[in-house]
């Protein structure tokens, strides 16, 4: 589903991501952890086609994000940690705008917006301008906009920030369902307990370099993920 080979991204002389290779298969929830500034967000933005990179390749369902970006973006959804939405729109207008971009039929989009709006307890607020939304509400709107076009690959940067426990539980359930239906998820998080319980595989990055990756059992063995992470960060 997602193949990253020898990805290198520089800012001036600094390598924010240094020769990173990862493979995320259909059905996998793949966690991406590391300290602030380790290169997580830069990697995710490269995958989403937001940032150009100097070396390596990124394939999404067999298509290159460099050579065939539109086909890749049809197949993926990117949810940033701080959603930059159109504040002048109402929530429902924003969702219809996204549905128009992905050419979702009217009846199907109505059903999906109702389904996810209810799940994330946002339906009653969709008539309000996005400018009036809290950070958590904007996060919910971004998540709904990502789900309604049924992407194969979902890229998320700190998806649980700003979500209350009930909505976080709903989000984790939807993530598992998405992957059980053949999709894949690659997400960064600082919440190691969530990663340990939710992820099929995990990758740890430090100073732009991959230091450990594999199944949860391969990465942590008999230790906790927190213990392994702290040892590798020393």
Protein backbone atom coordinates (compact mmCIF):
# COMPACT_ATOMS: atom_id res chain seq x y z
CA UNK A 1 0.00 0.00 0.00
CA UNK A 2 2.77 2.44 0.98
CA UNK A 3 6.38 1.89 -0.02
CA UNK A 4 9.04 4.36 1.16
CA UNK A 5 12.51 3.69 -0.21
CA UNK A 6 15.62 5.61 0.83
CA UNK A 7 13.70 8.82 1.52
CA UNK A 8 15.93 11.83 2.22
CA UNK A 9 14.60 15.33 2.88
CA UNK A 10 16.93 18.25 3.59
CA UNK A 11 16.47 21.74 4.98
CA UNK A 12 19.66 23.47 3.88
CA UNK A 13 22.51 21.24 5.03
CA UNK A 14 20.39 19.46 7.67
CA UNK A 15 18.84 16.09 6.84
CA UNK A 16 15.40 16.12 8.44
CA UNK A 17 14.80 12.61 7.07
CA UNK A 18 17.86 10.48 6.33
CA UNK A 19 17.62 7.41 4.05
CA UNK A 20 14.29 6.17 5.45
CA UNK A 21 12.77 2.96 4.09
CA UNK A 22 9.43 1.52 5.28
CA UNK A 23 6.72 -0.71 3.81
CA UNK A 24 3.12 -0.46 5.05
CA UNK A 25 0.87 -3.30 3.86
CA UNK A 26 -2.91 -3.40 3.39
CA UNK A 27 -4.58 -4.23 6.69
CA UNK A 28 -1.86 -2.66 8.84
CA UNK A 29 -2.06 0.10 11.43
CA UNK A 30 1.53 1.32 11.47
CA UNK A 31 2.68 3.66 14.24
CA UNK A 32 5.48 6.21 13.80
CA UNK A 33 7.13 7.51 16.97
CA UNK A 34 10.04 9.74 17.85
CA UNK A 35 10.91 12.86 19.82
CA UNK A 36 9.94 16.36 18.65
CA UNK A 37 12.02 17.24 15.61
CA UNK A 38 12.85 13.61 14.80
CA UNK A 39 11.42 13.87 11.28
CA UNK A 40 7.93 12.40 11.69
CA UNK A 41 5.88 15.31 10.35
CA UNK A 42 8.34 15.92 7.52
CA UNK A 43 8.01 12.27 6.47
CA UNK A 44 4.21 12.40 6.55
CA UNK A 45 4.15 15.61 4.49
CA UNK A 46 6.43 14.02 1.90
CA UNK A 47 4.06 11.05 1.64
CA UNK A 48 1.08 13.39 1.22
CA UNK A 49 2.82 15.31 -1.56
CA UNK A 50 3.06 18.53 0.44
CA UNK A 51 6.87 18.56 0.59
CA UNK A 52 9.33 17.74 -2.15
CA UNK A 53 12.28 15.56 -1.26
CA UNK A 54 15.83 15.23 -2.57
CA UNK A 55 16.33 11.48 -2.72
CA UNK A 56 14.38 8.25 -2.67
CA UNK A 57 10.87 7.28 -3.74
CA UNK A 58 7.37 7.04 -2.30
CA UNK A 59 4.79 4.73 -3.88
CA UNK A 60 1.12 4.67 -2.89
CA UNK A 61 -0.74 1.63 -4.18
CA UNK A 62 1.97 1.32 -6.83
CA UNK A 63 1.89 4.97 -7.95
CA UNK A 64 4.71 7.48 -7.42
CA UNK A 65 3.82 10.59 -5.42
CA UNK A 66 6.36 12.47 -7.57
CA UNK A 67 5.34 11.22 -11.02
CA UNK A 68 1.62 10.64 -10.45
CA UNK A 69 0.54 12.86 -7.56
CA UNK A 70 -3.14 13.16 -8.49
CA UNK A 71 -3.65 9.40 -8.63
CA UNK A 72 -1.89 9.07 -5.26
CA UNK A 73 -4.02 11.78 -3.68
CA UNK A 74 -7.19 10.06 -4.86
CA UNK A 75 -6.14 7.06 -2.80
CA UNK A 76 -4.96 8.78 0.38
CA UNK A 77 -6.19 11.09 3.10
CA UNK A 78 -3.88 13.26 5.19
CA UNK A 79 -4.96 14.52 8.60
CA UNK A 80 -2.46 17.03 10.07
CA UNK A 81 -2.04 17.67 13.78
CA UNK A 82 -3.36 21.21 13.38
CA UNK A 83 -6.01 21.21 10.63
CA UNK A 84 -5.88 24.30 8.40
CA UNK A 85 -9.51 24.53 7.28
CA UNK A 86 -11.52 27.23 5.51
CA UNK A 87 -12.84 29.26 8.43
CA UNK A 88 -15.32 31.21 6.29
CA UNK A 89 -17.24 28.03 5.40
CA UNK A 90 -19.74 26.25 7.57
CA UNK A 91 -18.88 22.67 8.51
CA UNK A 92 -21.40 21.21 6.05
CA UNK A 93 -20.17 23.42 3.21
CA UNK A 94 -16.62 22.33 3.88
CA UNK A 95 -17.58 18.65 3.78
CA UNK A 96 -19.54 19.17 0.55
CA UNK A 97 -16.53 21.00 -0.90
CA UNK A 98 -14.34 17.97 -0.16
CA UNK A 99 -17.02 15.64 -1.52
CA UNK A 100 -17.13 17.69 -4.74
CA UNK A 101 -13.35 17.37 -5.16
CA UNK A 102 -13.57 13.59 -4.89
CA UNK A 103 -16.78 13.42 -6.95
CA UNK A 104 -18.82 11.65 -4.29
CA UNK A 105 -22.47 11.24 -5.44
CA UNK A 106 -25.05 13.36 -3.60
CA UNK A 107 -26.91 10.52 -1.86
CA UNK A 108 -23.72 8.72 -0.82
CA UNK A 109 -22.14 11.87 0.62
CA UNK A 110 -25.31 12.71 2.54
CA UNK A 111 -25.32 9.27 4.14
CA UNK A 112 -21.61 9.36 4.96
CA UNK A 113 -21.71 12.88 6.40
CA UNK A 114 -24.66 11.86 8.60
CA UNK A 115 -22.92 8.63 9.66
CA UNK A 116 -19.62 10.23 10.65
CA UNK A 117 -21.18 13.45 11.93
CA UNK A 118 -23.22 11.42 14.39
CA UNK A 119 -20.28 9.18 15.35
CA UNK A 120 -18.11 12.19 16.14
CA UNK A 121 -20.98 14.15 17.71
CA UNK A 122 -20.58 17.02 15.25
CA UNK A 123 -23.83 16.87 13.26
CA UNK A 124 -25.52 19.59 15.31
CA UNK A 125 -22.59 21.95 14.70
CA UNK A 126 -22.20 21.49 10.94
CA UNK A 127 -24.36 24.54 10.19
CA UNK A 128 -21.95 26.76 12.14
CA UNK A 129 -18.92 28.54 10.61
CA UNK A 130 -15.65 26.67 11.02
CA UNK A 131 -14.25 29.89 12.53
CA UNK A 132 -16.38 29.22 15.63
CA UNK A 133 -15.06 25.67 16.11
CA UNK A 134 -12.70 24.65 18.90
CA UNK A 135 -9.49 22.78 18.03
CA UNK A 136 -11.17 19.48 18.86
CA UNK A 137 -14.14 20.26 16.61
CA UNK A 138 -11.82 21.19 13.75
CA UNK A 139 -9.99 17.92 14.28
CA UNK A 140 -13.28 16.03 14.05
CA UNK A 141 -14.23 17.89 10.86
CA UNK A 142 -10.85 17.07 9.30
CA UNK A 143 -11.28 13.40 10.21
CA UNK A 144 -14.78 13.27 8.71
CA UNK A 145 -13.57 14.98 5.53
CA UNK A 146 -10.85 12.34 5.24
CA UNK A 147 -13.20 9.39 5.74
CA UNK A 148 -16.02 10.39 3.38
CA UNK A 149 -14.02 9.72 0.20
CA UNK A 150 -13.04 6.23 1.40
CA UNK A 151 -9.26 6.45 0.97
CA UNK A 152 -7.13 3.32 0.80
CA UNK A 153 -4.34 4.91 2.82
CA UNK A 154 -4.83 7.29 5.75
CA UNK A 155 -1.88 9.39 6.95
CA UNK A 156 -2.35 11.02 10.35
CA UNK A 157 -0.14 13.30 12.42
CA UNK A 158 -0.98 13.05 16.14
CA UNK A 159 -4.64 12.16 15.44
CA UNK A 160 -5.72 11.96 19.09
CA UNK A 161 -4.67 15.49 20.06
CA UNK A 162 -7.75 17.51 21.01
CA UNK A 163 -10.11 14.54 21.06
CA UNK A 164 -11.96 13.62 24.24
CA UNK A 165 -11.82 9.98 25.49
CA UNK A 166 -15.16 9.01 23.93
CA UNK A 167 -14.26 10.33 20.50
CA UNK A 168 -10.77 8.83 20.77
CA UNK A 169 -12.39 5.45 21.36
CA UNK A 170 -14.57 5.94 18.27
CA UNK A 171 -11.52 6.94 16.25
CA UNK A 172 -9.57 3.84 17.27
CA UNK A 173 -12.51 1.62 16.36
CA UNK A 174 -12.82 3.24 12.92
CA UNK A 175 -9.08 2.86 12.34
CA UNK A 176 -9.29 -0.86 13.02
CA UNK A 177 -12.34 -1.26 10.79
CA UNK A 178 -10.63 0.63 7.96
CA UNK A 179 -7.65 -1.73 8.04
CA UNK A 180 -9.77 -4.85 8.50
CA UNK A 181 -11.48 -3.83 5.24
CA UNK A 182 -8.17 -3.76 3.37
CA UNK A 183 -7.03 -0.20 3.99
CA UNK A 184 -3.84 0.93 5.71
CA UNK A 185 -2.98 3.61 8.26
CA UNK A 186 0.35 5.28 8.99
CA UNK A 187 0.25 7.69 11.90
CA UNK A 188 2.55 9.50 14.28
CA UNK A 189 1.85 9.74 17.98
CA UNK A 190 3.43 10.64 21.29
CA UNK A 191 0.85 8.56 23.15
CA UNK A 192 2.87 5.35 23.46
CA UNK A 193 0.18 3.46 25.36
CA UNK A 194 -2.22 3.98 22.45
CA UNK A 195 0.41 2.91 19.93
CA UNK A 196 1.20 -0.23 21.92
CA UNK A 197 -2.42 -1.33 22.07
CA UNK A 198 -3.53 -0.25 18.60
CA UNK A 199 -0.66 -0.79 16.18
CA UNK A 200 0.23 -3.91 14.22
CA UNK A 201 3.68 -2.52 13.51
CA UNK A 202 5.78 0.36 14.79
CA UNK A 203 8.73 2.43 13.57
CA UNK A 204 10.96 4.56 15.76
CA UNK A 205 12.83 7.49 14.20
CA UNK A 206 15.64 9.52 15.75
CA UNK A 207 17.33 12.54 14.17
CA UNK A 208 15.83 11.62 10.82
CA UNK A 209 17.08 8.03 10.86
CA UNK A 210 15.07 4.87 11.38
CA UNK A 211 16.40 3.13 14.48
CA UNK A 212 13.92 0.26 14.86
CA UNK A 213 10.89 -1.09 13.01
CA UNK A 214 8.76 -4.22 12.89
CA UNK A 215 5.83 -5.88 14.60
CA UNK A 216 5.07 -4.75 18.12
CA UNK A 217 6.58 -7.97 19.46
CA UNK A 218 9.74 -7.51 17.38
CA UNK A 219 10.22 -3.93 18.52
CA UNK A 220 9.47 -4.22 22.22
CA UNK A 221 9.90 -7.89 23.10
CA UNK A 222 9.01 -8.39 26.76
CA UNK A 223 9.42 -4.71 27.60
CA UNK A 224 6.91 -1.89 27.32
CA UNK A 225 7.04 0.31 24.24
CA UNK A 226 7.81 3.26 26.52
CA UNK A 227 10.87 1.50 27.95
CA UNK A 228 12.20 0.63 24.48
CA UNK A 229 11.59 4.16 23.22
CA UNK A 230 13.39 5.75 26.17
CA UNK A 231 16.35 3.38 25.79
CA UNK A 232 16.70 4.22 22.10
CA UNK A 233 16.37 7.94 22.77
CA UNK A 234 19.25 8.00 25.28
